[in-house]
Protein backbone atom coordinates (compact mmCIF):
# COMPACT_ATOMS: atom_id res chain seq x y z
CA MET A 1 -52.16 -15.60 -13.16
CA ASN A 2 -49.96 -15.03 -16.19
CA ARG A 3 -49.43 -11.40 -15.13
CA ILE A 4 -48.32 -12.50 -11.65
CA LEU A 5 -45.96 -15.04 -13.17
CA MET A 6 -44.57 -12.45 -15.60
CA TYR A 7 -44.11 -9.95 -12.74
CA GLY A 8 -42.21 -12.57 -10.77
CA LEU A 9 -39.96 -13.36 -13.71
CA VAL A 10 -39.18 -9.67 -14.28
CA CYS A 11 -38.33 -9.19 -10.58
CA SER A 12 -36.09 -12.26 -10.62
CA LEU A 13 -34.32 -10.95 -13.71
CA LEU A 14 -33.77 -7.52 -12.13
CA ILE A 15 -32.35 -9.12 -8.98
CA PHE A 16 -30.03 -11.25 -11.13
CA VAL A 17 -28.85 -8.19 -13.12
CA VAL A 18 -28.18 -6.26 -9.89
CA PHE A 19 -26.27 -9.26 -8.52
CA LEU A 20 -24.15 -9.40 -11.68
CA TYR A 21 -23.48 -5.66 -11.42
CA PHE A 22 -22.20 -5.92 -7.85
CA LEU A 23 -20.25 -9.06 -8.72
CA GLN A 24 -18.56 -7.17 -11.56
CA GLU A 25 -17.89 -4.15 -9.34
CA THR A 26 -16.24 -6.41 -6.76
CA LYS A 27 -14.23 -8.15 -9.45
CA GLU A 28 -13.02 -4.79 -10.79
CA MET A 29 -11.99 -3.58 -7.35
CA ASP A 30 -10.04 -6.72 -6.44
CA VAL A 31 -7.61 -6.30 -9.30
CA ILE A 32 -4.25 -7.14 -7.76
CA GLN A 33 -3.79 -10.89 -7.87
CA TYR A 34 -0.58 -12.86 -7.75
CA PHE A 35 0.33 -15.08 -10.71
CA PRO A 36 3.70 -16.75 -11.36
CA ILE A 37 6.37 -14.21 -12.32
CA ASP A 38 7.12 -13.87 -16.05
CA SER A 39 10.89 -14.06 -16.44
CA ASN A 40 10.61 -12.69 -19.99
CA SER A 41 8.94 -9.45 -18.98
CA LYS A 42 9.89 -6.62 -16.62
CA PHE A 43 9.38 -2.99 -15.66
CA THR A 44 11.72 -0.71 -17.57
CA SER A 45 11.12 1.97 -14.94
CA TYR A 46 9.12 2.43 -11.77
CA GLY A 47 9.18 4.80 -8.84
CA THR A 48 7.56 6.78 -6.05
CA SER A 49 8.40 10.41 -5.40
CA LEU A 50 7.58 12.97 -2.74
CA SER A 51 8.62 16.54 -3.41
CA PHE A 52 8.03 19.95 -1.87
CA ALA A 53 5.64 21.68 -4.27
CA GLU A 54 5.10 25.20 -3.00
CA GLN A 55 4.29 27.36 -0.02
CA SER A 56 0.55 27.96 0.18
CA ASP A 57 0.86 30.68 2.81
CA ALA A 58 2.79 31.39 5.99
CA ASP A 59 1.20 28.42 7.78
CA GLU A 60 0.69 25.84 5.01
CA TYR A 61 2.56 24.25 2.13
CA GLU A 62 2.02 21.57 -0.51
CA VAL A 63 3.77 18.27 -1.21
CA THR A 64 3.54 16.47 -4.56
CA TRP A 65 3.03 12.72 -4.25
CA LYS A 66 3.62 10.74 -7.44
CA MET A 67 3.75 7.12 -8.58
CA SER A 68 4.75 5.86 -12.02
CA SER A 69 5.83 2.70 -13.81
CA LYS A 70 6.42 1.45 -17.32
CA SER A 71 6.59 -2.15 -18.51
CA ASP A 72 8.57 -3.38 -21.50
CA GLN A 73 5.37 -4.38 -23.29
CA THR A 74 1.64 -3.72 -23.27
CA GLN A 75 0.03 -5.92 -20.65
CA TYR A 76 -3.50 -7.19 -20.16
CA LEU A 77 -3.82 -5.34 -16.87
CA ARG A 78 -1.58 -2.74 -15.22
CA GLN A 79 -2.07 -1.36 -11.75
CA ASP A 80 -0.17 0.79 -9.26
CA VAL A 81 -1.34 1.42 -5.71
CA SER A 82 0.46 3.79 -3.34
CA LEU A 83 0.16 4.44 0.40
CA LEU A 84 1.11 7.73 2.05
CA TYR A 85 2.01 7.95 5.74
CA VAL A 86 2.57 11.27 7.52
CA ASN A 87 4.38 11.02 10.85
CA GLY A 88 3.58 7.29 10.88
CA ARG A 89 -0.16 7.60 10.21
CA LEU A 90 -1.91 6.69 6.96
CA LYS A 91 -3.08 9.87 5.24
CA GLY A 92 -3.85 8.79 1.70
CA ILE A 93 -4.18 5.96 -0.82
CA MET A 94 -3.61 6.49 -4.54
CA ASN A 95 -4.78 3.81 -6.94
CA LYS A 96 -4.82 3.54 -10.73
CA TRP A 97 -5.37 0.63 -13.08
CA GLU A 98 -5.75 0.27 -16.84
CA GLU A 99 -6.43 -2.57 -19.25
CA ASN A 100 -4.11 -3.19 -22.21
CA ALA A 101 -1.63 -0.65 -20.94
CA GLN A 102 2.12 -0.29 -20.68
CA GLU A 103 2.46 2.77 -18.48
CA ILE A 104 0.84 4.04 -15.27
CA GLU A 105 1.32 7.54 -13.88
CA LYS A 106 -0.57 9.54 -11.28
CA GLU A 107 0.14 12.38 -8.88
CA VAL A 108 -1.71 14.44 -6.31
CA LYS A 109 -0.86 17.41 -4.12
CA ILE A 110 -1.12 17.16 -0.35
CA HIS A 111 -1.63 20.15 1.93
CA GLY A 112 0.67 20.17 4.93
CA GLU A 113 1.58 22.23 7.94
CA ASP A 114 4.13 22.00 10.73
CA SER A 115 7.17 19.69 10.66
CA GLN A 116 6.32 16.33 9.13
CA LYS A 117 7.88 13.16 7.76
CA TYR A 118 6.16 11.95 4.60
CA GLU A 119 6.64 8.30 3.64
CA SER A 120 5.15 6.52 0.65
CA ILE A 121 5.37 2.98 -0.66
CA THR A 122 3.94 1.87 -4.01
CA PHE A 123 3.25 -1.60 -5.39
CA HIS A 124 3.55 -1.84 -9.18
CA HIS A 125 1.82 -4.79 -10.81
CA GLY A 126 1.17 -6.16 -14.27
CA GLU A 127 -0.92 -9.11 -15.42
CA ILE A 128 0.15 -10.89 -18.63
CA HIS A 129 -2.22 -12.97 -20.78
CA GLU A 130 -0.80 -14.69 -23.86
CA ASP A 131 -3.06 -16.92 -25.95
CA ASP A 132 -3.79 -20.13 -24.03
CA LEU A 133 -0.67 -19.94 -21.86
CA PRO A 134 -1.00 -19.69 -18.06
CA ILE A 135 -1.48 -16.16 -16.72
CA LYS A 136 1.74 -14.59 -15.46
CA SER A 137 2.70 -11.31 -13.81
CA VAL A 138 5.40 -8.76 -13.06
CA GLN A 139 5.76 -6.95 -9.75
CA ALA A 140 7.91 -4.41 -7.95
CA ALA A 141 7.69 -1.94 -5.08
CA SER A 142 9.20 1.51 -4.67
CA THR A 143 9.39 4.01 -1.85
CA ASP A 144 10.35 7.56 -0.96
CA ALA A 145 10.55 9.72 2.15
CA LEU A 146 10.51 13.51 2.55
CA TYR A 147 11.10 15.62 5.64
CA VAL A 148 9.53 19.08 5.77
CA ILE A 149 10.69 21.31 8.61
CA ASP A 150 8.23 24.07 9.42
CA SER A 151 9.06 25.61 12.77
CA PRO A 152 8.75 29.17 14.11
CA HIS A 153 12.36 28.85 15.27
CA SER A 154 13.87 28.09 11.86
CA THR A 155 13.42 28.78 8.15
CA ARG A 156 11.09 26.35 6.40
CA SER A 157 13.16 23.67 4.68
CA PHE A 158 12.80 20.19 3.19
CA PHE A 159 15.09 17.26 2.40
CA HIS A 160 15.17 13.57 1.55
CA LYS A 161 18.51 12.94 3.22
CA PRO A 162 19.96 15.35 5.79
CA LYS A 163 23.04 17.27 4.77
CA THR A 164 23.53 19.82 7.54
CA ALA A 165 23.81 19.33 11.29
CA GLU A 166 20.43 21.03 11.75
CA GLU A 167 18.75 18.70 9.24
CA LYS A 168 20.28 15.65 10.94
CA GLU A 169 18.96 16.86 14.27
CA TRP A 170 15.46 17.36 12.87
CA LYS A 171 15.51 13.91 11.22
CA GLU A 172 16.51 12.23 14.48
CA ARG A 173 13.86 14.17 16.41
CA LEU A 174 11.04 13.28 14.00
CA ASP A 175 12.14 9.65 13.57
CA HIS A 176 12.35 9.16 17.33
CA SER A 177 8.92 10.68 17.96
CA ILE A 178 7.29 8.62 15.18
CA GLN A 179 8.98 5.40 16.29
CA GLN A 180 7.79 5.86 19.85
CA GLN A 181 4.16 6.25 18.75
CA VAL A 182 4.29 3.37 16.27
CA GLN A 183 5.97 1.04 18.79
CA VAL A 184 3.15 1.69 21.29
CA GLN A 185 0.59 0.73 18.63
CA TRP A 186 2.51 -2.42 17.64
CA LYS A 187 2.87 -3.51 21.28
CA GLU A 188 -0.88 -3.17 21.76
CA LEU A 189 -1.47 -5.36 18.71
CA LEU A 190 1.09 -7.97 19.79
CA ASP A 191 -0.43 -8.12 23.27
CA TYR A 192 -4.00 -8.23 21.94
CA TYR A 193 -3.27 -11.21 19.67
CA GLN A 194 -0.84 -12.76 22.19
CA VAL A 195 1.95 -12.96 19.63
CA PRO A 196 5.37 -14.11 20.95
CA LYS A 197 7.52 -11.42 19.33
CA GLY A 198 10.74 -13.42 19.70
CA GLN A 199 9.48 -16.00 17.18
CA TYR A 200 9.19 -13.42 14.39
CA THR A 201 11.23 -10.95 12.36
CA ALA A 202 9.33 -7.65 12.33
CA VAL A 203 9.23 -5.45 9.22
CA PRO A 204 7.16 -2.24 8.90
CA LEU A 205 5.01 -2.15 5.75
CA THR A 206 6.90 0.96 4.58
CA GLU A 207 10.12 -1.07 4.35
CA LEU A 208 8.80 -3.82 2.06
CA ALA A 209 10.34 -2.25 -1.06
CA LYS A 210 13.84 -3.28 0.02
CA TYR A 211 12.85 -6.90 -0.62
CA ASN A 212 12.47 -6.35 -4.37
CA ASP A 213 15.89 -7.87 -4.97
CA ARG A 214 16.51 -9.94 -1.86
CA PRO A 215 14.67 -12.75 -0.08
CA LEU A 216 12.08 -12.02 2.58
CA PRO A 217 13.33 -12.91 6.06
CA GLY A 218 13.04 -16.58 6.96
CA VAL A 219 11.01 -17.69 3.93
CA PRO A 220 11.71 -21.01 2.18
CA GLU A 221 14.44 -20.81 -0.46
CA GLY A 222 13.12 -19.94 -3.91
CA GLU A 223 9.69 -18.94 -2.60
CA SER A 224 10.28 -15.26 -1.89
CA GLU A 225 8.78 -13.84 -5.12
CA ARG A 226 5.59 -15.86 -4.70
CA ILE A 227 5.17 -15.01 -1.02
CA TYR A 228 5.94 -11.34 -1.74
CA GLY A 229 3.27 -11.16 -4.45
CA GLN A 230 0.68 -13.00 -2.37
CA LEU A 231 1.45 -10.69 0.57
CA TRP A 232 0.66 -7.63 -1.54
CA GLU A 233 -2.48 -9.32 -2.87
CA GLY A 234 -3.63 -9.87 0.71
CA LEU A 235 -2.72 -6.33 1.76
CA TYR A 236 -4.68 -4.90 -1.15
CA LYS A 237 -7.84 -6.91 -0.52
CA ASN A 238 -7.86 -6.86 3.27
CA TYR A 239 -6.10 -3.64 4.22
CA ILE A 240 -6.19 -1.14 1.36
CA LEU A 241 -9.73 -1.77 0.10
CA GLY A 242 -11.01 -2.10 3.65
CA ILE A 243 -9.54 1.13 4.91
CA THR A 244 -10.72 3.17 1.91
CA ASP A 245 -14.41 2.54 2.65
CA THR A 246 -16.03 5.68 1.24
CA HIS A 247 -18.92 5.39 3.68
CA SER A 248 -16.63 5.80 6.68
CA ASN A 249 -16.97 9.03 8.63
CA HIS A 250 -13.64 8.48 10.37
CA PRO A 251 -10.46 10.26 9.26
CA ILE A 252 -7.70 7.94 8.12
CA GLN A 253 -5.46 7.74 11.17
CA SER A 254 -4.16 4.17 11.28
CA TYR A 255 -0.49 3.61 11.98
CA ILE A 256 1.91 1.72 9.71
CA PRO A 257 1.08 -2.02 9.82
CA ILE A 258 3.71 -4.41 11.15
CA ILE A 259 4.57 -7.57 9.19
CA LEU A 260 5.89 -10.51 11.20
CA PHE A 261 7.85 -13.25 9.42
CA ASP A 262 7.94 -16.56 11.26
CA LYS A 263 11.55 -17.52 11.98
CA ASN A 264 10.66 -21.19 11.33
CA GLY A 265 9.64 -20.31 7.76
CA LYS A 266 6.01 -21.44 8.07
CA HIS A 267 3.93 -18.26 7.80
CA LEU A 268 3.78 -14.49 8.06
CA MET A 269 1.38 -12.28 9.97
CA VAL A 270 0.15 -8.71 9.35
CA LEU A 271 -1.14 -6.71 12.30
CA PHE A 272 -2.83 -3.32 12.00
CA GLU A 273 -5.55 -1.13 13.42
CA ASP A 274 -7.98 0.48 10.97
CA ASP A 275 -9.30 4.05 11.00
CA THR A 276 -12.21 3.07 13.24
CA GLY A 277 -9.89 1.63 15.91
CA LYS A 278 -10.65 -2.02 15.10
CA LYS A 279 -7.67 -4.39 15.30
CA HIS A 280 -6.91 -6.85 12.49
CA GLN A 281 -4.70 -9.92 12.10
CA LEU A 282 -3.94 -11.41 8.69
CA ILE A 283 -2.08 -14.74 8.43
CA GLN A 284 -0.46 -16.08 5.26
CA TYR A 285 0.84 -19.64 5.31
CA TYR A 286 3.63 -20.63 2.97
């Protein structure tokens, strides 16, 4: 009887330890969390960069994708997460976090072929713990875009902003093609969730960085920083972690999510389709 009881206690303990392990793993993954902004701390530098690395062969090339940030002091938790879209489709997610750190830096090389538009947006985040004071944070977003022209009818070239007539023509051609495809996806999502588009201001996820220093559209006065941080927290937990499921056999193909800001200043909505084709709707009330 005692052996049976002991066996039961050991099994219960093992189950509890396993539960704690998975709880800790989940806690470690869900790192980005909004806390009130610390007005006494800031990023001294932060950025996202896309650059043409080298020509692999006649048909392929490489692009360097990099994110970096540095805070003015060592912080309890630092994290940067970056999204890479190629011709409007999600092709990669880069994530790095460190405890008791001041600086984050990471880069990878992406193989490419044909003419492509590379777009990346990065969220930079820091969590500040000081004695018994409330937890605070710092946040910023950065972005970059790179056009690589690889056509049998022209010499391979690359640019961030077009300078020649040929580059301007290629930019317009790629932008128009991408916009057409993305607009079809967004219309499907709006129709599926029966969203009255006229009641919202639409912003692609890749354009969120421009709201670092200006209010989000239609949000209550003085609430933009909080809503911005909570939006990224929601995107990280519900979009980024969800779409990077390592057990998925599907290639990452989802289009840029659309963010809809209610013109009455009550809520925002994120619509996207994941790499399995499943549609998602996230709602954040103010």
